[in-house]
């Protein structure tokens, strides 16, 4: 029950639970499993894990700093008795392309230590709920 409450709270805080037609592109466009979110992605392509944090209230602030139209996902899971939210950003053909995007992120995001991950790696993490933010 606690996980359901936390999930609903994250949806509300991120704008996913609203029916407001004025939601902008940073609002949630879907809640799904890891397979539903990433199963169609080419495992040879790359993405960026912007950060992983334990406070869902901080997620929206970081997402609002990410410019552009590339997709953003928030992976939610419980590990060692604590909730974790990982912000995943973009779909890039090469590791170098993803690294160059990291260089263009705001300094506050770069301070969080974003790193490149393959979609094969992201797809292997089956114990998460995924929120597609745009």
N, C-alpha and C. Protein backbone atom coordinates (compact mmCIF):
# COMPACT_ATOMS: atom_id res chain seq x y z
N UNK A 1 0.82 -1.20 0.00
CA UNK A 1 0.00 0.00 0.00
C UNK A 1 0.86 1.26 0.00
N UNK A 2 1.96 1.20 0.77
CA UNK A 2 2.85 2.36 0.86
C UNK A 2 3.42 2.70 -0.52
N UNK A 3 3.79 1.67 -1.29
CA UNK A 3 4.34 1.91 -2.63
C UNK A 3 3.31 2.57 -3.54
N UNK A 4 2.05 2.19 -3.40
CA UNK A 4 0.99 2.79 -4.21
C UNK A 4 0.86 4.27 -3.86
N UNK A 5 0.90 4.58 -2.58
CA UNK A 5 0.80 5.98 -2.15
C UNK A 5 1.98 6.78 -2.69
N UNK A 6 3.17 6.22 -2.62
CA UNK A 6 4.36 6.91 -3.12
C UNK A 6 4.25 7.11 -4.63
N UNK A 7 3.78 6.10 -5.33
CA UNK A 7 3.62 6.20 -6.78
C UNK A 7 2.63 7.30 -7.15
N UNK A 8 1.51 7.35 -6.45
CA UNK A 8 0.50 8.39 -6.71
C UNK A 8 1.08 9.77 -6.40
N UNK A 9 1.86 9.87 -5.31
CA UNK A 9 2.47 11.15 -4.95
C UNK A 9 3.43 11.61 -6.04
N UNK A 10 4.23 10.69 -6.57
CA UNK A 10 5.16 11.06 -7.64
C UNK A 10 4.38 11.51 -8.88
N UNK A 11 3.34 10.80 -9.23
CA UNK A 11 2.54 11.19 -10.38
C UNK A 11 1.95 12.58 -10.20
N UNK A 12 1.44 12.85 -9.02
CA UNK A 12 0.86 14.16 -8.75
C UNK A 12 1.91 15.25 -8.81
N UNK A 13 3.07 15.02 -8.17
CA UNK A 13 4.12 16.03 -8.14
C UNK A 13 4.68 16.30 -9.53
N UNK A 14 4.69 15.28 -10.37
CA UNK A 14 5.26 15.46 -11.70
C UNK A 14 4.23 15.96 -12.70
N UNK A 15 2.97 16.05 -12.29
CA UNK A 15 1.93 16.50 -13.20
C UNK A 15 1.24 15.37 -13.93
N UNK A 16 1.63 14.13 -13.66
CA UNK A 16 1.06 12.98 -14.37
C UNK A 16 -0.38 12.71 -13.98
N UNK A 17 -0.78 13.09 -12.78
CA UNK A 17 -2.11 12.74 -12.30
C UNK A 17 -3.13 13.82 -12.60
N UNK A 18 -2.74 14.86 -13.27
CA UNK A 18 -3.69 15.94 -13.55
C UNK A 18 -4.33 15.73 -14.90
N UNK A 19 -5.51 16.27 -15.07
CA UNK A 19 -6.19 16.26 -16.36
C UNK A 19 -6.17 17.63 -17.00
N UNK A 20 -5.32 18.49 -16.50
CA UNK A 20 -5.24 19.87 -16.95
C UNK A 20 -4.71 19.92 -18.38
N UNK A 21 -5.47 20.46 -19.29
CA UNK A 21 -5.07 20.51 -20.70
C UNK A 21 -3.89 21.44 -20.92
N UNK A 22 -3.55 22.27 -19.94
CA UNK A 22 -2.45 23.20 -20.12
C UNK A 22 -1.10 22.60 -19.76
N UNK A 23 -1.05 21.28 -19.43
CA UNK A 23 0.24 20.65 -19.13
C UNK A 23 1.19 20.86 -20.30
N UNK A 24 2.44 21.20 -19.97
CA UNK A 24 3.40 21.43 -21.04
C UNK A 24 4.17 20.15 -21.34
N UNK A 25 5.18 20.26 -22.20
CA UNK A 25 5.92 19.09 -22.67
C UNK A 25 6.68 18.40 -21.56
N UNK A 26 6.89 19.03 -20.41
CA UNK A 26 7.62 18.38 -19.33
C UNK A 26 6.72 17.49 -18.49
N UNK A 27 5.45 17.43 -18.81
CA UNK A 27 4.53 16.63 -18.02
C UNK A 27 4.59 15.17 -18.46
N UNK A 28 4.15 14.31 -17.55
CA UNK A 28 4.19 12.88 -17.78
C UNK A 28 3.28 12.49 -18.95
N UNK A 29 3.79 11.62 -19.82
CA UNK A 29 2.98 11.15 -20.93
C UNK A 29 2.70 9.66 -20.81
N UNK A 30 3.11 9.05 -19.70
CA UNK A 30 2.77 7.65 -19.53
C UNK A 30 3.52 6.98 -18.40
N UNK A 31 2.85 6.03 -17.77
CA UNK A 31 3.44 5.20 -16.74
C UNK A 31 3.47 3.79 -17.28
N UNK A 32 4.62 3.11 -17.15
CA UNK A 32 4.77 1.81 -17.77
C UNK A 32 5.82 0.97 -17.07
N UNK A 33 5.93 -0.27 -17.51
CA UNK A 33 6.98 -1.16 -17.02
C UNK A 33 8.26 -0.87 -17.79
N UNK A 34 9.36 -1.44 -17.32
CA UNK A 34 10.64 -1.29 -18.03
C UNK A 34 10.53 -1.81 -19.46
N UNK A 35 9.88 -2.95 -19.63
CA UNK A 35 9.74 -3.53 -20.97
C UNK A 35 8.90 -2.63 -21.87
N UNK A 36 7.81 -2.10 -21.34
CA UNK A 36 6.97 -1.21 -22.14
C UNK A 36 7.71 0.07 -22.51
N UNK A 37 8.52 0.58 -21.59
CA UNK A 37 9.22 1.85 -21.83
C UNK A 37 10.41 1.69 -22.76
N UNK A 38 11.18 0.64 -22.56
CA UNK A 38 12.46 0.52 -23.26
C UNK A 38 12.57 -0.68 -24.20
N UNK A 39 11.58 -1.57 -24.19
CA UNK A 39 11.66 -2.80 -24.98
C UNK A 39 11.84 -2.57 -26.47
N UNK A 40 11.30 -1.47 -26.99
CA UNK A 40 11.40 -1.18 -28.41
C UNK A 40 12.68 -0.43 -28.78
N UNK A 41 13.44 0.01 -27.75
CA UNK A 41 14.66 0.78 -28.01
C UNK A 41 15.77 -0.16 -28.49
N UNK A 42 16.58 0.33 -29.41
CA UNK A 42 17.70 -0.45 -29.93
C UNK A 42 18.74 -0.60 -28.81
N UNK A 43 19.04 -1.82 -28.37
CA UNK A 43 19.98 -2.01 -27.26
C UNK A 43 21.40 -1.54 -27.58
N UNK A 44 21.69 -1.31 -28.84
CA UNK A 44 23.03 -0.83 -29.22
C UNK A 44 23.13 0.70 -29.13
N UNK A 45 22.01 1.38 -28.87
CA UNK A 45 22.02 2.84 -28.73
C UNK A 45 22.26 3.22 -27.28
N UNK A 46 22.36 4.52 -27.03
CA UNK A 46 22.76 5.01 -25.71
C UNK A 46 21.82 6.08 -25.17
N UNK A 47 21.85 6.23 -23.86
CA UNK A 47 21.09 7.24 -23.15
C UNK A 47 21.96 7.79 -22.04
N UNK A 48 21.45 8.78 -21.33
CA UNK A 48 22.21 9.39 -20.22
C UNK A 48 21.40 9.21 -18.95
N UNK A 49 22.05 8.68 -17.92
CA UNK A 49 21.42 8.71 -16.60
C UNK A 49 21.85 10.02 -15.96
N UNK A 50 20.91 10.94 -15.85
CA UNK A 50 21.19 12.27 -15.33
C UNK A 50 21.55 12.21 -13.86
N UNK A 51 20.76 11.49 -13.09
CA UNK A 51 21.01 11.37 -11.65
C UNK A 51 20.10 10.31 -11.07
N UNK A 52 20.40 9.89 -9.86
CA UNK A 52 19.53 9.02 -9.08
C UNK A 52 19.41 9.64 -7.70
N UNK A 53 18.17 9.88 -7.28
CA UNK A 53 17.94 10.54 -6.00
C UNK A 53 16.84 9.80 -5.23
N UNK A 54 16.82 10.02 -3.94
CA UNK A 54 15.83 9.33 -3.11
C UNK A 54 14.63 10.19 -2.77
N UNK A 55 14.63 11.44 -3.17
CA UNK A 55 13.51 12.34 -2.87
C UNK A 55 12.77 12.69 -4.16
N UNK A 56 11.53 12.18 -4.29
CA UNK A 56 10.79 12.42 -5.53
C UNK A 56 10.48 13.88 -5.75
N UNK A 57 10.41 14.66 -4.68
CA UNK A 57 10.09 16.08 -4.84
C UNK A 57 11.17 16.83 -5.62
N UNK A 58 12.38 16.30 -5.66
CA UNK A 58 13.48 16.95 -6.37
C UNK A 58 13.52 16.61 -7.87
N UNK A 59 12.81 15.57 -8.27
CA UNK A 59 12.86 15.10 -9.66
C UNK A 59 12.42 16.18 -10.63
N UNK A 60 11.29 16.80 -10.38
CA UNK A 60 10.73 17.77 -11.33
C UNK A 60 11.67 18.96 -11.55
N UNK A 61 12.34 19.41 -10.50
CA UNK A 61 13.28 20.52 -10.64
C UNK A 61 14.40 20.20 -11.61
N UNK A 62 14.95 19.01 -11.50
CA UNK A 62 16.03 18.63 -12.41
C UNK A 62 15.51 18.47 -13.84
N UNK A 63 14.34 17.87 -13.98
CA UNK A 63 13.77 17.68 -15.32
C UNK A 63 13.53 19.02 -16.00
N UNK A 64 13.09 20.02 -15.25
CA UNK A 64 12.81 21.32 -15.86
C UNK A 64 14.07 21.99 -16.41
N UNK A 65 15.23 21.58 -15.94
CA UNK A 65 16.48 22.14 -16.44
C UNK A 65 16.98 21.48 -17.72
N UNK A 66 16.37 20.38 -18.11
CA UNK A 66 16.82 19.66 -19.30
C UNK A 66 16.10 20.23 -20.51
N UNK A 67 16.82 20.87 -21.37
CA UNK A 67 16.25 21.52 -22.56
C UNK A 67 16.19 20.54 -23.72
N UNK A 68 15.44 20.88 -24.72
CA UNK A 68 15.36 20.06 -25.92
C UNK A 68 14.11 19.22 -25.95
N UNK A 69 14.02 18.36 -26.93
CA UNK A 69 12.83 17.54 -27.13
C UNK A 69 13.09 16.05 -26.96
N UNK A 70 14.31 15.67 -26.58
CA UNK A 70 14.61 14.25 -26.40
C UNK A 70 13.77 13.69 -25.27
N UNK A 71 13.46 12.39 -25.33
CA UNK A 71 12.63 11.79 -24.28
C UNK A 71 13.31 11.80 -22.91
N UNK A 72 12.50 11.89 -21.88
CA UNK A 72 12.97 11.80 -20.50
C UNK A 72 12.10 10.76 -19.80
N UNK A 73 12.76 9.86 -19.09
CA UNK A 73 12.08 8.86 -18.31
C UNK A 73 12.52 8.99 -16.85
N UNK A 74 11.64 8.64 -15.93
CA UNK A 74 12.01 8.53 -14.52
C UNK A 74 11.75 7.09 -14.12
N UNK A 75 12.81 6.41 -13.73
CA UNK A 75 12.70 5.03 -13.25
C UNK A 75 12.58 5.06 -11.73
N UNK A 76 11.58 4.36 -11.22
CA UNK A 76 11.34 4.33 -9.78
C UNK A 76 11.49 2.90 -9.29
N UNK A 77 12.25 2.72 -8.21
CA UNK A 77 12.33 1.41 -7.58
C UNK A 77 12.68 1.55 -6.12
N UNK A 78 12.46 0.49 -5.39
CA UNK A 78 12.78 0.43 -3.97
C UNK A 78 14.00 -0.45 -3.83
N UNK A 79 15.03 0.07 -3.17
CA UNK A 79 16.28 -0.67 -2.97
C UNK A 79 16.80 -0.42 -1.57
N UNK A 80 17.10 -1.50 -0.88
CA UNK A 80 17.64 -1.42 0.48
C UNK A 80 16.77 -0.56 1.40
N UNK A 81 15.45 -0.72 1.26
CA UNK A 81 14.52 -0.03 2.13
C UNK A 81 14.28 1.43 1.80
N UNK A 82 14.77 1.88 0.66
CA UNK A 82 14.62 3.28 0.28
C UNK A 82 14.14 3.39 -1.17
N UNK A 83 13.33 4.41 -1.45
CA UNK A 83 12.88 4.66 -2.82
C UNK A 83 13.98 5.40 -3.58
N UNK A 84 14.13 5.05 -4.85
CA UNK A 84 15.10 5.73 -5.72
C UNK A 84 14.44 6.10 -7.02
N UNK A 85 14.80 7.27 -7.51
CA UNK A 85 14.27 7.81 -8.76
C UNK A 85 15.46 8.15 -9.64
N UNK A 86 15.57 7.46 -10.78
CA UNK A 86 16.66 7.72 -11.72
C UNK A 86 16.08 8.43 -12.93
N UNK A 87 16.68 9.56 -13.29
CA UNK A 87 16.24 10.32 -14.45
C UNK A 87 17.11 9.91 -15.64
N UNK A 88 16.45 9.40 -16.68
CA UNK A 88 17.11 8.91 -17.89
C UNK A 88 16.73 9.85 -19.03
N UNK A 89 17.73 10.23 -19.83
CA UNK A 89 17.49 11.26 -20.85
C UNK A 89 18.07 10.89 -22.20
N UNK A 90 17.25 10.96 -23.22
CA UNK A 90 17.70 10.92 -24.61
C UNK A 90 17.88 9.54 -25.20
N UNK A 91 18.06 9.54 -26.50
CA UNK A 91 18.28 8.36 -27.32
C UNK A 91 19.33 8.74 -28.34
N UNK A 92 20.55 8.22 -28.17
CA UNK A 92 21.69 8.64 -28.97
C UNK A 92 22.32 7.45 -29.70
N UNK A 93 22.77 7.70 -30.91
CA UNK A 93 23.33 6.64 -31.75
C UNK A 93 24.67 6.13 -31.21
N UNK A 94 25.46 7.04 -30.64
CA UNK A 94 26.79 6.63 -30.17
C UNK A 94 27.05 7.13 -28.75
N UNK A 95 28.00 6.50 -28.12
CA UNK A 95 28.41 6.92 -26.77
C UNK A 95 29.00 8.33 -26.82
N UNK A 96 29.76 8.62 -27.87
CA UNK A 96 30.35 9.96 -28.01
C UNK A 96 29.28 11.04 -28.17
N UNK A 97 28.23 10.74 -28.90
CA UNK A 97 27.13 11.71 -29.05
C UNK A 97 26.50 12.00 -27.68
N UNK A 98 26.26 10.97 -26.90
CA UNK A 98 25.69 11.16 -25.57
C UNK A 98 26.64 11.94 -24.67
N UNK A 99 27.92 11.65 -24.75
CA UNK A 99 28.91 12.39 -23.94
C UNK A 99 28.92 13.88 -24.30
N UNK A 100 28.77 14.19 -25.58
CA UNK A 100 28.77 15.59 -25.98
C UNK A 100 27.52 16.31 -25.46
N UNK A 101 26.42 15.60 -25.36
CA UNK A 101 25.20 16.19 -24.80
C UNK A 101 25.40 16.49 -23.32
N UNK A 102 26.08 15.62 -22.61
CA UNK A 102 26.38 15.87 -21.19
C UNK A 102 27.12 17.18 -21.03
N UNK A 103 28.07 17.44 -21.92
CA UNK A 103 28.85 18.68 -21.85
C UNK A 103 27.97 19.92 -21.99
N UNK A 104 26.83 19.79 -22.67
CA UNK A 104 25.94 20.93 -22.88
C UNK A 104 24.86 21.09 -21.82
N UNK A 105 24.82 20.19 -20.85
CA UNK A 105 23.82 20.29 -19.78
C UNK A 105 24.20 21.41 -18.81
N UNK A 106 23.23 21.89 -18.06
CA UNK A 106 23.50 22.96 -17.09
C UNK A 106 24.52 22.49 -16.05
N UNK A 107 25.21 23.44 -15.45
CA UNK A 107 26.24 23.09 -14.47
C UNK A 107 25.64 22.36 -13.26
N UNK A 108 24.42 22.74 -12.87
CA UNK A 108 23.82 22.06 -11.71
C UNK A 108 23.53 20.59 -12.01
N UNK A 109 23.19 20.29 -13.25
CA UNK A 109 22.97 18.89 -13.63
C UNK A 109 24.31 18.17 -13.78
N UNK A 110 25.28 18.81 -14.40
CA UNK A 110 26.61 18.18 -14.54
C UNK A 110 27.22 17.86 -13.18
N UNK A 111 26.92 18.67 -12.17
CA UNK A 111 27.45 18.41 -10.82
C UNK A 111 26.88 17.12 -10.23
N UNK A 112 25.76 16.64 -10.74
CA UNK A 112 25.16 15.40 -10.25
C UNK A 112 25.87 14.16 -10.80
N UNK A 113 26.77 14.36 -11.76
CA UNK A 113 27.54 13.24 -12.30
C UNK A 113 26.82 12.38 -13.31
N UNK A 114 26.16 13.00 -14.31
CA UNK A 114 25.47 12.19 -15.32
C UNK A 114 26.47 11.29 -16.06
N UNK A 115 25.97 10.14 -16.50
CA UNK A 115 26.84 9.21 -17.21
C UNK A 115 26.06 8.49 -18.30
N UNK A 116 26.79 7.96 -19.27
CA UNK A 116 26.20 7.30 -20.43
C UNK A 116 25.92 5.84 -20.09
N UNK A 117 24.74 5.39 -20.51
CA UNK A 117 24.35 3.98 -20.37
C UNK A 117 23.84 3.48 -21.72
N UNK A 118 24.06 2.22 -22.00
CA UNK A 118 23.46 1.63 -23.19
C UNK A 118 22.01 1.28 -22.88
N UNK A 119 21.18 1.26 -23.91
CA UNK A 119 19.81 0.83 -23.69
C UNK A 119 19.77 -0.64 -23.29
N UNK A 120 20.76 -1.44 -23.71
CA UNK A 120 20.83 -2.83 -23.25
C UNK A 120 20.91 -2.88 -21.73
N UNK A 121 21.70 -2.00 -21.14
CA UNK A 121 21.83 -1.94 -19.68
C UNK A 121 20.52 -1.49 -19.04
N UNK A 122 19.90 -0.46 -19.60
CA UNK A 122 18.64 0.05 -19.05
C UNK A 122 17.55 -1.02 -19.14
N UNK A 123 17.52 -1.74 -20.26
CA UNK A 123 16.50 -2.78 -20.46
C UNK A 123 16.67 -3.93 -19.48
N UNK A 124 17.87 -4.16 -18.99
CA UNK A 124 18.12 -5.29 -18.09
C UNK A 124 17.62 -5.03 -16.67
N UNK A 125 17.32 -3.78 -16.34
CA UNK A 125 16.83 -3.43 -15.00
C UNK A 125 15.33 -3.62 -14.95
N UNK A 126 14.89 -4.83 -14.65
CA UNK A 126 13.47 -5.19 -14.74
C UNK A 126 12.64 -4.85 -13.51
N UNK A 127 13.24 -4.37 -12.45
CA UNK A 127 12.47 -4.13 -11.23
C UNK A 127 12.18 -2.65 -11.02
N UNK A 128 11.79 -1.98 -12.07
CA UNK A 128 11.46 -0.56 -11.96
C UNK A 128 10.10 -0.28 -12.57
N UNK A 129 9.49 0.79 -12.09
CA UNK A 129 8.34 1.40 -12.75
C UNK A 129 8.88 2.60 -13.47
N UNK A 130 8.38 2.85 -14.66
CA UNK A 130 8.92 3.92 -15.50
C UNK A 130 7.84 4.94 -15.81
N UNK A 131 8.20 6.21 -15.70
CA UNK A 131 7.33 7.32 -16.05
C UNK A 131 7.98 8.02 -17.22
N UNK A 132 7.31 8.05 -18.35
CA UNK A 132 7.85 8.81 -19.49
C UNK A 132 7.37 10.25 -19.33
N UNK A 133 8.32 11.15 -19.20
CA UNK A 133 7.99 12.56 -18.94
C UNK A 133 7.80 13.36 -20.20
N UNK A 134 8.45 13.00 -21.26
CA UNK A 134 8.20 13.62 -22.57
C UNK A 134 8.77 12.75 -23.65
